[in-house]
Amino acid sequence: KNKLEVYAEHLIKDLAISISDNDRELASIPLLTRLLGEAFDKEVKTFYQSSESKPELQVKFDLFELYGRFIERKYDIYQEEKLQVSVNKVAEMERRERDLKCMREGYQLLALKVLFTEEQVALIESDRNYTFLAEQLIRIGIVQVSHDGKLHFIHRTFAEYYVADYLVNRLTEGNNTSQLV
């Protein structure tokens, strides 16, 4: 238990420094604390099983990277536990990258639909083709189906993350579409 507390303290301290969260308000937000825990679960296990008394963290990232790391970890958990697929094999790693890219595009479209009007989404999304189906987006656990059959994110900040990701990618393309966006 002490080693876990040591790791958690160092992780929260280092993340607070990297995102300028001097008051460490991040740790008081349950969702973000969970993101941290799940995003770093492998590193925590490694540290816990080691003889080290102080973790050597290489934490210099922002909330955007934290969300990305969390989502990738959720995908890996789905693959390993639900499908019994090892994500360490070369072929599986290549498939993982393709799946994560396709899923990201599907989540981005869903996020746009959640946060913008249909007209706005149609205006900026007219040239995109998505290959991931709704039931595939539900599988890793950040999207659910509501009682009326519509998809929604388990927390609004996931939609905000994907819209930010979409906007950054589209605005940096440097073509006519980026000007429209």
N, C-alpha and C. Protein backbone atom coordinates (compact mmCIF):
# COMPACT_ATOMS: atom_id res chain seq x y z
N LYS A 1 0.82 -1.20 0.00
CA LYS A 1 0.00 0.00 0.00
C LYS A 1 0.87 1.26 0.00
N ASN A 2 1.95 1.23 0.76
CA ASN A 2 2.84 2.38 0.82
C ASN A 2 3.45 2.69 -0.55
N LYS A 3 3.87 1.65 -1.27
CA LYS A 3 4.46 1.85 -2.59
C LYS A 3 3.43 2.46 -3.55
N LEU A 4 2.19 2.04 -3.45
CA LEU A 4 1.14 2.60 -4.30
C LEU A 4 0.93 4.08 -3.99
N GLU A 5 0.94 4.42 -2.71
CA GLU A 5 0.78 5.82 -2.31
C GLU A 5 1.95 6.66 -2.81
N VAL A 6 3.16 6.13 -2.72
CA VAL A 6 4.35 6.83 -3.20
C VAL A 6 4.23 7.10 -4.70
N TYR A 7 3.84 6.08 -5.44
CA TYR A 7 3.69 6.24 -6.90
C TYR A 7 2.62 7.28 -7.21
N ALA A 8 1.49 7.18 -6.54
CA ALA A 8 0.39 8.11 -6.79
C ALA A 8 0.81 9.55 -6.49
N GLU A 9 1.48 9.75 -5.39
CA GLU A 9 1.94 11.10 -5.04
C GLU A 9 2.87 11.67 -6.10
N HIS A 10 3.83 10.86 -6.53
CA HIS A 10 4.77 11.32 -7.56
C HIS A 10 4.06 11.59 -8.88
N LEU A 11 3.14 10.72 -9.25
CA LEU A 11 2.42 10.89 -10.51
C LEU A 11 1.59 12.17 -10.49
N ILE A 12 0.84 12.39 -9.43
CA ILE A 12 0.01 13.58 -9.34
C ILE A 12 0.87 14.83 -9.28
N LYS A 13 1.95 14.79 -8.52
CA LYS A 13 2.84 15.95 -8.43
C LYS A 13 3.45 16.29 -9.79
N ASP A 14 3.97 15.27 -10.48
CA ASP A 14 4.60 15.51 -11.78
C ASP A 14 3.59 15.98 -12.82
N LEU A 15 2.40 15.40 -12.81
CA LEU A 15 1.38 15.84 -13.76
C LEU A 15 0.94 17.26 -13.44
N ALA A 16 0.79 17.58 -12.17
CA ALA A 16 0.39 18.94 -11.78
C ALA A 16 1.41 19.96 -12.28
N ILE A 17 2.68 19.60 -12.22
CA ILE A 17 3.74 20.49 -12.72
C ILE A 17 3.63 20.64 -14.23
N SER A 18 3.43 19.52 -14.93
CA SER A 18 3.43 19.57 -16.39
C SER A 18 2.21 20.28 -16.97
N ILE A 19 1.11 20.35 -16.23
CA ILE A 19 -0.08 21.05 -16.74
C ILE A 19 -0.35 22.34 -15.97
N SER A 20 0.61 22.77 -15.16
CA SER A 20 0.50 24.00 -14.36
C SER A 20 -0.72 23.97 -13.44
N ASP A 21 -0.92 22.85 -12.80
CA ASP A 21 -2.03 22.69 -11.85
C ASP A 21 -1.44 22.76 -10.44
N ASN A 22 -0.98 23.95 -10.07
CA ASN A 22 -0.26 24.12 -8.81
C ASN A 22 -1.08 23.76 -7.58
N ASP A 23 -2.38 23.94 -7.64
CA ASP A 23 -3.23 23.62 -6.50
C ASP A 23 -3.65 22.15 -6.50
N ARG A 24 -3.21 21.41 -7.49
CA ARG A 24 -3.51 19.98 -7.64
C ARG A 24 -5.02 19.71 -7.61
N GLU A 25 -5.75 20.57 -8.29
CA GLU A 25 -7.19 20.39 -8.39
C GLU A 25 -7.53 19.14 -9.21
N LEU A 26 -6.61 18.75 -10.07
CA LEU A 26 -6.82 17.57 -10.90
C LEU A 26 -7.16 16.35 -10.04
N ALA A 27 -6.44 16.18 -8.97
CA ALA A 27 -6.65 15.00 -8.11
C ALA A 27 -8.00 15.03 -7.41
N SER A 28 -8.66 16.17 -7.40
CA SER A 28 -9.97 16.24 -6.74
C SER A 28 -11.12 15.94 -7.71
N ILE A 29 -10.81 15.70 -8.98
CA ILE A 29 -11.82 15.38 -9.97
C ILE A 29 -11.81 13.87 -10.19
N PRO A 30 -12.86 13.17 -9.77
CA PRO A 30 -12.86 11.71 -9.84
C PRO A 30 -12.56 11.15 -11.23
N LEU A 31 -13.14 11.72 -12.28
CA LEU A 31 -12.90 11.19 -13.62
C LEU A 31 -11.42 11.28 -13.98
N LEU A 32 -10.79 12.41 -13.71
CA LEU A 32 -9.39 12.57 -14.08
C LEU A 32 -8.49 11.69 -13.22
N THR A 33 -8.86 11.48 -11.97
CA THR A 33 -8.09 10.56 -11.13
C THR A 33 -8.18 9.15 -11.68
N ARG A 34 -9.35 8.77 -12.13
CA ARG A 34 -9.52 7.44 -12.74
C ARG A 34 -8.72 7.34 -14.04
N LEU A 35 -8.74 8.40 -14.84
CA LEU A 35 -7.95 8.41 -16.07
C LEU A 35 -6.48 8.17 -15.75
N LEU A 36 -5.99 8.86 -14.75
CA LEU A 36 -4.59 8.69 -14.36
C LEU A 36 -4.32 7.25 -13.94
N GLY A 37 -5.18 6.72 -13.08
CA GLY A 37 -4.99 5.36 -12.59
C GLY A 37 -4.98 4.33 -13.70
N GLU A 38 -5.93 4.42 -14.60
CA GLU A 38 -6.01 3.43 -15.67
C GLU A 38 -4.93 3.66 -16.74
N ALA A 39 -4.58 4.91 -16.99
CA ALA A 39 -3.57 5.20 -18.00
C ALA A 39 -2.19 4.71 -17.57
N PHE A 40 -1.96 4.65 -16.27
CA PHE A 40 -0.65 4.26 -15.77
C PHE A 40 -0.66 2.92 -15.04
N ASP A 41 -1.66 2.10 -15.26
CA ASP A 41 -1.76 0.86 -14.48
C ASP A 41 -0.58 -0.09 -14.72
N LYS A 42 -0.09 -0.17 -15.94
CA LYS A 42 1.06 -1.05 -16.20
C LYS A 42 2.31 -0.55 -15.48
N GLU A 43 2.53 0.75 -15.51
CA GLU A 43 3.70 1.32 -14.83
C GLU A 43 3.60 1.13 -13.32
N VAL A 44 2.40 1.26 -12.78
CA VAL A 44 2.20 1.06 -11.34
C VAL A 44 2.53 -0.38 -10.97
N LYS A 45 2.04 -1.33 -11.76
CA LYS A 45 2.33 -2.75 -11.49
C LYS A 45 3.83 -3.02 -11.53
N THR A 46 4.51 -2.46 -12.52
CA THR A 46 5.95 -2.65 -12.64
C THR A 46 6.68 -2.09 -11.43
N PHE A 47 6.31 -0.89 -11.02
CA PHE A 47 6.92 -0.27 -9.85
C PHE A 47 6.61 -1.07 -8.59
N TYR A 48 5.39 -1.50 -8.44
CA TYR A 48 4.97 -2.24 -7.25
C TYR A 48 5.76 -3.54 -7.10
N GLN A 49 6.05 -4.19 -8.21
CA GLN A 49 6.78 -5.46 -8.17
C GLN A 49 8.29 -5.28 -8.12
N SER A 50 8.75 -4.06 -8.26
CA SER A 50 10.19 -3.81 -8.25
C SER A 50 10.69 -3.59 -6.82
N SER A 51 12.00 -3.50 -6.69
CA SER A 51 12.59 -3.22 -5.38
C SER A 51 12.86 -1.73 -5.19
N GLU A 52 12.50 -0.93 -6.18
CA GLU A 52 12.71 0.52 -6.10
C GLU A 52 11.83 1.13 -5.01
N SER A 53 12.36 2.16 -4.35
CA SER A 53 11.57 2.83 -3.32
C SER A 53 10.94 4.12 -3.83
N LYS A 54 11.45 4.60 -4.97
CA LYS A 54 10.92 5.84 -5.56
C LYS A 54 10.76 5.61 -7.06
N PRO A 55 9.57 5.92 -7.60
CA PRO A 55 9.37 5.70 -9.04
C PRO A 55 10.13 6.72 -9.89
N GLU A 56 10.58 6.27 -11.03
CA GLU A 56 11.20 7.18 -12.00
C GLU A 56 10.17 7.45 -13.08
N LEU A 57 9.48 8.53 -12.92
CA LEU A 57 8.42 8.87 -13.87
C LEU A 57 8.96 9.77 -14.95
N GLN A 58 8.45 9.55 -16.13
CA GLN A 58 8.78 10.42 -17.25
C GLN A 58 7.49 11.12 -17.67
N VAL A 59 6.91 11.82 -16.72
CA VAL A 59 5.62 12.45 -16.96
C VAL A 59 5.85 13.90 -17.35
N LYS A 60 5.68 14.17 -18.60
CA LYS A 60 5.71 15.54 -19.10
C LYS A 60 4.69 15.58 -20.24
N PHE A 61 3.42 15.59 -19.87
CA PHE A 61 2.36 15.59 -20.86
C PHE A 61 1.20 16.42 -20.35
N ASP A 62 0.23 16.60 -21.21
CA ASP A 62 -0.92 17.43 -20.86
C ASP A 62 -2.17 16.56 -20.78
N LEU A 63 -3.30 17.20 -20.51
CA LEU A 63 -4.55 16.47 -20.39
C LEU A 63 -4.94 15.78 -21.69
N PHE A 64 -4.61 16.41 -22.80
CA PHE A 64 -4.91 15.81 -24.10
C PHE A 64 -4.21 14.45 -24.22
N GLU A 65 -2.95 14.40 -23.87
CA GLU A 65 -2.21 13.14 -23.93
C GLU A 65 -2.74 12.14 -22.90
N LEU A 66 -3.17 12.62 -21.75
CA LEU A 66 -3.74 11.73 -20.73
C LEU A 66 -4.99 11.04 -21.26
N TYR A 67 -5.88 11.80 -21.90
CA TYR A 67 -7.08 11.19 -22.48
C TYR A 67 -6.70 10.17 -23.55
N GLY A 68 -5.77 10.52 -24.40
CA GLY A 68 -5.33 9.60 -25.45
C GLY A 68 -4.75 8.31 -24.88
N ARG A 69 -3.95 8.46 -23.87
CA ARG A 69 -3.35 7.28 -23.23
C ARG A 69 -4.41 6.41 -22.57
N PHE A 70 -5.38 7.04 -21.92
CA PHE A 70 -6.47 6.31 -21.28
C PHE A 70 -7.27 5.52 -22.31
N ILE A 71 -7.61 6.15 -23.42
CA ILE A 71 -8.42 5.50 -24.45
C ILE A 71 -7.65 4.33 -25.07
N GLU A 72 -6.37 4.52 -25.32
CA GLU A 72 -5.56 3.41 -25.83
C GLU A 72 -5.52 2.26 -24.84
N ARG A 73 -5.41 2.58 -23.56
CA ARG A 73 -5.39 1.52 -22.54
C ARG A 73 -6.72 0.79 -22.49
N LYS A 74 -7.83 1.52 -22.61
CA LYS A 74 -9.15 0.88 -22.63
C LYS A 74 -9.26 -0.06 -23.82
N TYR A 75 -8.74 0.34 -24.98
CA TYR A 75 -8.74 -0.52 -26.17
C TYR A 75 -7.93 -1.79 -25.90
N ASP A 76 -6.74 -1.63 -25.31
CA ASP A 76 -5.89 -2.78 -25.01
C ASP A 76 -6.57 -3.74 -24.05
N ILE A 77 -7.23 -3.20 -23.04
CA ILE A 77 -7.95 -4.04 -22.09
C ILE A 77 -9.04 -4.82 -22.80
N TYR A 78 -9.78 -4.16 -23.66
CA TYR A 78 -10.83 -4.84 -24.43
C TYR A 78 -10.23 -5.98 -25.26
N GLN A 79 -9.15 -5.70 -25.95
CA GLN A 79 -8.52 -6.72 -26.79
C GLN A 79 -8.01 -7.90 -25.96
N GLU A 80 -7.33 -7.61 -24.85
CA GLU A 80 -6.72 -8.67 -24.06
C GLU A 80 -7.74 -9.47 -23.26
N GLU A 81 -8.67 -8.78 -22.62
CA GLU A 81 -9.60 -9.47 -21.72
C GLU A 81 -10.84 -10.01 -22.41
N LYS A 82 -11.40 -9.24 -23.30
CA LYS A 82 -12.64 -9.68 -23.95
C LYS A 82 -12.40 -10.57 -25.16
N LEU A 83 -11.39 -10.23 -25.95
CA LEU A 83 -11.13 -11.00 -27.18
C LEU A 83 -9.98 -11.98 -27.04
N GLN A 84 -9.28 -11.94 -25.91
CA GLN A 84 -8.14 -12.82 -25.66
C GLN A 84 -7.06 -12.65 -26.73
N VAL A 85 -6.80 -11.41 -27.14
CA VAL A 85 -5.80 -11.12 -28.15
C VAL A 85 -4.63 -10.41 -27.47
N SER A 86 -3.43 -10.89 -27.71
CA SER A 86 -2.24 -10.26 -27.16
C SER A 86 -1.89 -9.05 -28.01
N VAL A 87 -1.76 -7.90 -27.37
CA VAL A 87 -1.43 -6.69 -28.13
C VAL A 87 0.08 -6.50 -28.27
N ASN A 88 0.85 -7.51 -27.91
CA ASN A 88 2.30 -7.41 -28.00
C ASN A 88 2.87 -8.03 -29.27
N LYS A 89 2.09 -8.76 -30.02
CA LYS A 89 2.56 -9.36 -31.27
C LYS A 89 2.56 -8.30 -32.37
N VAL A 90 3.51 -8.43 -33.28
CA VAL A 90 3.68 -7.42 -34.34
C VAL A 90 2.41 -7.24 -35.16
N ALA A 91 1.81 -8.32 -35.61
CA ALA A 91 0.60 -8.22 -36.42
C ALA A 91 -0.53 -7.56 -35.64
N GLU A 92 -0.63 -7.89 -34.37
CA GLU A 92 -1.68 -7.30 -33.54
C GLU A 92 -1.41 -5.82 -33.29
N MET A 93 -0.15 -5.46 -33.17
CA MET A 93 0.20 -4.04 -32.96
C MET A 93 -0.17 -3.22 -34.20
N GLU A 94 0.03 -3.80 -35.38
CA GLU A 94 -0.35 -3.10 -36.61
C GLU A 94 -1.87 -2.96 -36.69
N ARG A 95 -2.58 -4.03 -36.35
CA ARG A 95 -4.05 -3.96 -36.33
C ARG A 95 -4.53 -2.96 -35.29
N ARG A 96 -3.86 -2.93 -34.15
CA ARG A 96 -4.20 -1.99 -33.09
C ARG A 96 -4.13 -0.56 -33.60
N GLU A 97 -3.06 -0.23 -34.30
CA GLU A 97 -2.90 1.13 -34.83
C GLU A 97 -4.00 1.48 -35.83
N ARG A 98 -4.33 0.54 -36.72
CA ARG A 98 -5.41 0.76 -37.68
C ARG A 98 -6.74 0.94 -36.97
N ASP A 99 -7.03 0.05 -36.02
CA ASP A 99 -8.29 0.14 -35.28
C ASP A 99 -8.40 1.45 -34.51
N LEU A 100 -7.32 1.83 -33.83
CA LEU A 100 -7.35 3.07 -33.04
C LEU A 100 -7.59 4.28 -33.95
N LYS A 101 -7.00 4.27 -35.13
CA LYS A 101 -7.19 5.38 -36.07
C LYS A 101 -8.66 5.44 -36.54
N CYS A 102 -9.19 4.27 -36.91
CA CYS A 102 -10.59 4.23 -37.37
C CYS A 102 -11.55 4.59 -36.23
N MET A 103 -11.27 4.07 -35.05
CA MET A 103 -12.12 4.39 -33.90
C MET A 103 -12.06 5.88 -33.59
N ARG A 104 -10.86 6.45 -33.66
CA ARG A 104 -10.72 7.88 -33.40
C ARG A 104 -11.61 8.69 -34.34
N GLU A 105 -11.61 8.31 -35.61
CA GLU A 105 -12.45 9.02 -36.57
C GLU A 105 -13.93 8.85 -36.24
N GLY A 106 -14.33 7.65 -35.84
CA GLY A 106 -15.72 7.42 -35.45
C GLY A 106 -16.10 8.21 -34.21
N TYR A 107 -15.21 8.23 -33.23
CA TYR A 107 -15.47 9.01 -32.01
C TYR A 107 -15.50 10.51 -32.32
N GLN A 108 -14.64 10.94 -33.23
CA GLN A 108 -14.64 12.36 -33.61
C GLN A 108 -15.99 12.75 -34.22
N LEU A 109 -16.49 11.92 -35.13
CA LEU A 109 -17.78 12.22 -35.74
C LEU A 109 -18.89 12.24 -34.70
N LEU A 110 -18.89 11.26 -33.81
CA LEU A 110 -19.89 11.24 -32.74
C LEU A 110 -19.76 12.49 -31.87
N ALA A 111 -18.54 12.88 -31.54
CA ALA A 111 -18.33 14.07 -30.71
C ALA A 111 -18.84 15.33 -31.41
N LEU A 112 -18.59 15.42 -32.72
CA LEU A 112 -19.10 16.57 -33.46
C LEU A 112 -20.62 16.61 -33.41
N LYS A 113 -21.25 15.43 -33.56
CA LYS A 113 -22.71 15.37 -33.52
C LYS A 113 -23.25 15.71 -32.13
N VAL A 114 -22.50 15.38 -31.09
CA VAL A 114 -22.92 15.68 -29.73
C VAL A 114 -22.82 17.19 -29.44
N LEU A 115 -21.77 17.81 -29.93
CA LEU A 115 -21.49 19.20 -29.55
C LEU A 115 -21.93 20.25 -30.57
N PHE A 116 -22.27 19.84 -31.79
CA PHE A 116 -22.64 20.80 -32.82
C PHE A 116 -23.97 20.42 -33.46
N THR A 117 -24.54 21.37 -34.20
CA THR A 117 -25.79 21.11 -34.89
C THR A 117 -25.52 20.24 -36.12
N GLU A 118 -26.57 19.64 -36.65
CA GLU A 118 -26.44 18.80 -37.85
C GLU A 118 -25.87 19.60 -39.02
N GLU A 119 -26.31 20.85 -39.14
CA GLU A 119 -25.83 21.69 -40.25
C GLU A 119 -24.34 21.96 -40.12
N GLN A 120 -23.89 22.23 -38.91
CA GLN A 120 -22.46 22.48 -38.71
C GLN A 120 -21.63 21.23 -39.01
N VAL A 121 -22.11 20.08 -38.57
CA VAL A 121 -21.40 18.83 -38.81
C VAL A 121 -21.36 18.54 -40.31
N ALA A 122 -22.47 18.72 -41.00
CA ALA A 122 -22.51 18.47 -42.44
C ALA A 122 -21.56 19.40 -43.19
N LEU A 123 -21.46 20.62 -42.74
CA LEU A 123 -20.60 21.60 -43.39
C LEU A 123 -19.13 21.21 -43.32
N ILE A 124 -18.68 20.75 -42.18
CA ILE A 124 -17.26 20.44 -42.03
C ILE A 124 -16.91 18.97 -42.24
N GLU A 125 -17.90 18.12 -42.37
CA GLU A 125 -17.65 16.68 -42.49
C GLU A 125 -18.09 16.10 -43.82
N SER A 126 -18.28 16.89 -44.82
CA SER A 126 -18.84 16.40 -46.08
C SER A 126 -17.93 15.43 -46.82
N ASP A 127 -16.63 15.47 -46.57
CA ASP A 127 -15.71 14.63 -47.34
C ASP A 127 -15.15 13.45 -46.56
N ARG A 128 -15.66 13.16 -45.40
CA ARG A 128 -15.10 12.09 -44.57
C ARG A 128 -15.90 10.80 -44.70
N ASN A 129 -15.19 9.69 -44.63
CA ASN A 129 -15.83 8.37 -44.70
C ASN A 129 -15.37 7.55 -43.50
N TYR A 130 -16.31 7.13 -42.66
CA TYR A 130 -15.97 6.40 -41.45
C TYR A 130 -16.29 4.92 -41.60
N THR A 131 -15.40 4.09 -41.07
CA THR A 131 -15.56 2.65 -41.25
C THR A 131 -15.97 1.94 -39.96
N PHE A 132 -15.90 2.58 -38.82
CA PHE A 132 -16.26 1.92 -37.57
C PHE A 132 -17.75 2.05 -37.33
N LEU A 133 -18.37 0.96 -36.95
CA LEU A 133 -19.80 0.94 -36.68
C LEU A 133 -20.07 1.31 -35.23
N ALA A 134 -21.28 1.73 -34.96
CA ALA A 134 -21.66 2.16 -33.62
C ALA A 134 -21.39 1.09 -32.58
N GLU A 135 -21.71 -0.16 -32.88
CA GLU A 135 -21.50 -1.21 -31.88
C GLU A 135 -20.02 -1.42 -31.58
N GLN A 136 -19.15 -1.08 -32.52
CA GLN A 136 -17.72 -1.19 -32.26
C GLN A 136 -17.25 -0.06 -31.35
N LEU A 137 -17.85 1.11 -31.48
CA LEU A 137 -17.47 2.24 -30.65
C LEU A 137 -17.88 2.04 -29.19
N ILE A 138 -18.89 1.25 -28.96
CA ILE A 138 -19.39 1.01 -27.62
C ILE A 138 -18.47 0.08 -26.84
N ARG A 139 -17.77 -0.76 -27.52
CA ARG A 139 -17.06 -1.87 -26.89
C ARG A 139 -15.99 -1.49 -25.88
N ILE A 140 -15.26 -0.40 -26.08
CA ILE A 140 -14.16 -0.14 -25.15
C ILE A 140 -14.58 0.65 -23.92
N GLY A 141 -15.81 1.16 -23.90
CA GLY A 141 -16.33 1.69 -22.65
C GLY A 141 -16.38 3.19 -22.47
N ILE A 142 -16.14 3.98 -23.51
CA ILE A 142 -16.29 5.42 -23.33
C ILE A 142 -17.56 5.95 -23.98
N VAL A 143 -18.28 5.06 -24.66
CA VAL A 143 -19.55 5.41 -25.29
C VAL A 143 -20.59 4.40 -24.84
N GLN A 144 -21.81 4.88 -24.62
CA GLN A 144 -22.93 4.02 -24.26
C GLN A 144 -24.12 4.34 -25.13
N VAL A 145 -25.11 3.45 -25.09
CA VAL A 145 -26.36 3.68 -25.81
C VAL A 145 -27.39 4.13 -24.78
N SER A 146 -28.04 5.24 -25.07
CA SER A 146 -29.07 5.74 -24.15
C SER A 146 -30.36 4.95 -24.32
N HIS A 147 -31.32 5.21 -23.46
CA HIS A 147 -32.60 4.48 -23.51
C HIS A 147 -33.35 4.71 -24.82
N ASP A 148 -33.05 5.84 -25.49
CA ASP A 148 -33.71 6.10 -26.78
C ASP A 148 -32.90 5.59 -27.98
N GLY A 149 -31.83 4.83 -27.69
CA GLY A 149 -31.06 4.20 -28.75
C GLY A 149 -29.95 5.05 -29.34
N LYS A 150 -29.70 6.22 -28.79
CA LYS A 150 -28.65 7.10 -29.31
C LYS A 150 -27.35 6.88 -28.55
N LEU A 151 -26.25 7.04 -29.28
CA LEU A 151 -24.93 6.94 -28.66
C LEU A 151 -24.61 8.22 -27.91
N HIS A 152 -23.94 8.06 -26.77
CA HIS A 152 -23.45 9.22 -26.05
C HIS A 152 -22.19 8.83 -25.29
N PHE A 153 -21.32 9.79 -25.06
CA PHE A 153 -20.10 9.54 -24.30
C PHE A 153 -20.44 9.42 -22.82
N ILE A 154 -19.65 8.63 -22.09
CA ILE A 154 -19.92 8.45 -20.67
C ILE A 154 -19.67 9.74 -19.90
N HIS A 155 -18.89 10.64 -20.48
CA HIS A 155 -18.66 11.95 -19.88
C HIS A 155 -18.42 12.95 -21.01
N ARG A 156 -18.97 14.13 -20.86
CA ARG A 156 -18.88 15.15 -21.90
C ARG A 156 -17.44 15.48 -22.29
N THR A 157 -16.51 15.34 -21.34
CA THR A 157 -15.13 15.70 -21.64
C THR A 157 -14.52 14.79 -22.71
N PHE A 158 -15.04 13.58 -22.89
CA PHE A 158 -14.55 12.73 -23.97
C PHE A 158 -14.96 13.33 -25.32
N ALA A 159 -16.15 13.84 -25.41
CA ALA A 159 -16.59 14.51 -26.64
C ALA A 159 -15.73 15.75 -26.90
N GLU A 160 -15.45 16.51 -25.85
CA GLU A 160 -14.62 17.70 -26.00
C GLU A 160 -13.20 17.32 -26.44
N TYR A 161 -12.68 16.23 -25.89
CA TYR A 161 -11.36 15.75 -26.28
C TYR A 161 -11.34 15.43 -27.78
N TYR A 162 -12.34 14.69 -28.25
CA TYR A 162 -12.37 14.29 -29.66
C TYR A 162 -12.62 15.46 -30.60
N VAL A 163 -13.40 16.44 -30.20
CA VAL A 163 -13.58 17.62 -31.04
C VAL A 163 -12.27 18.41 -31.11
N ALA A 164 -11.58 18.53 -29.98
CA ALA A 164 -10.29 19.22 -30.00
C ALA A 164 -9.30 18.50 -30.91
N ASP A 165 -9.28 17.17 -30.81
CA ASP A 165 -8.41 16.36 -31.66
C ASP A 165 -8.75 16.57 -33.13
N TYR A 166 -10.04 16.53 -33.44
CA TYR A 166 -10.50 16.74 -34.81
C TYR A 166 -10.07 18.12 -35.32
N LEU A 167 -10.34 19.15 -34.53
CA LEU A 167 -10.03 20.51 -34.97
C LEU A 167 -8.54 20.72 -35.20
N VAL A 168 -7.72 20.22 -34.30
CA VAL A 168 -6.27 20.37 -34.46
C VAL A 168 -5.83 19.67 -35.74
N ASN A 169 -6.29 18.45 -35.95
CA ASN A 169 -5.89 17.71 -37.15
C ASN A 169 -6.37 18.38 -38.43
N ARG A 170 -7.61 18.81 -38.44
CA ARG A 170 -8.17 19.41 -39.65
C ARG A 170 -7.57 20.80 -39.93
N LEU A 171 -7.33 21.56 -38.90
CA LEU A 171 -6.80 22.91 -39.10
C LEU A 171 -5.34 22.90 -39.53
N THR A 172 -4.63 21.85 -39.24
CA THR A 172 -3.22 21.78 -39.62
C THR A 172 -3.00 21.08 -40.96
N GLU A 173 -4.07 20.68 -41.64
CA GLU A 173 -3.93 20.03 -42.94
C GLU A 173 -3.45 21.00 -44.02
N GLY A 174 -3.81 22.26 -43.89
CA GLY A 174 -3.37 23.25 -44.84
C GLY A 174 -4.00 23.17 -46.22
N ASN A 175 -5.26 22.76 -46.28
CA ASN A 175 -5.96 22.70 -47.57
C ASN A 175 -7.28 23.48 -47.46
N ASN A 176 -8.10 23.36 -48.49
CA ASN A 176 -9.37 24.09 -48.49
C ASN A 176 -10.28 23.66 -47.35
N THR A 177 -10.24 22.39 -47.00
CA THR A 177 -11.07 21.90 -45.90
C THR A 177 -10.66 22.55 -44.59
N SER A 178 -9.37 22.71 -44.37
CA SER A 178 -8.93 23.33 -43.12
C SER A 178 -9.40 24.77 -43.05
N GLN A 179 -9.47 25.44 -44.18
CA GLN A 179 -9.99 26.82 -44.19
C GLN A 179 -11.47 26.83 -43.86
N LEU A 180 -12.21 25.85 -44.37
CA LEU A 180 -13.64 25.75 -44.07
C LEU A 180 -13.89 25.48 -42.60
N VAL A 181 -13.10 24.57 -42.03
CA VAL A 181 -13.21 24.24 -40.61
C VAL A 181 -12.90 25.47 -39.78
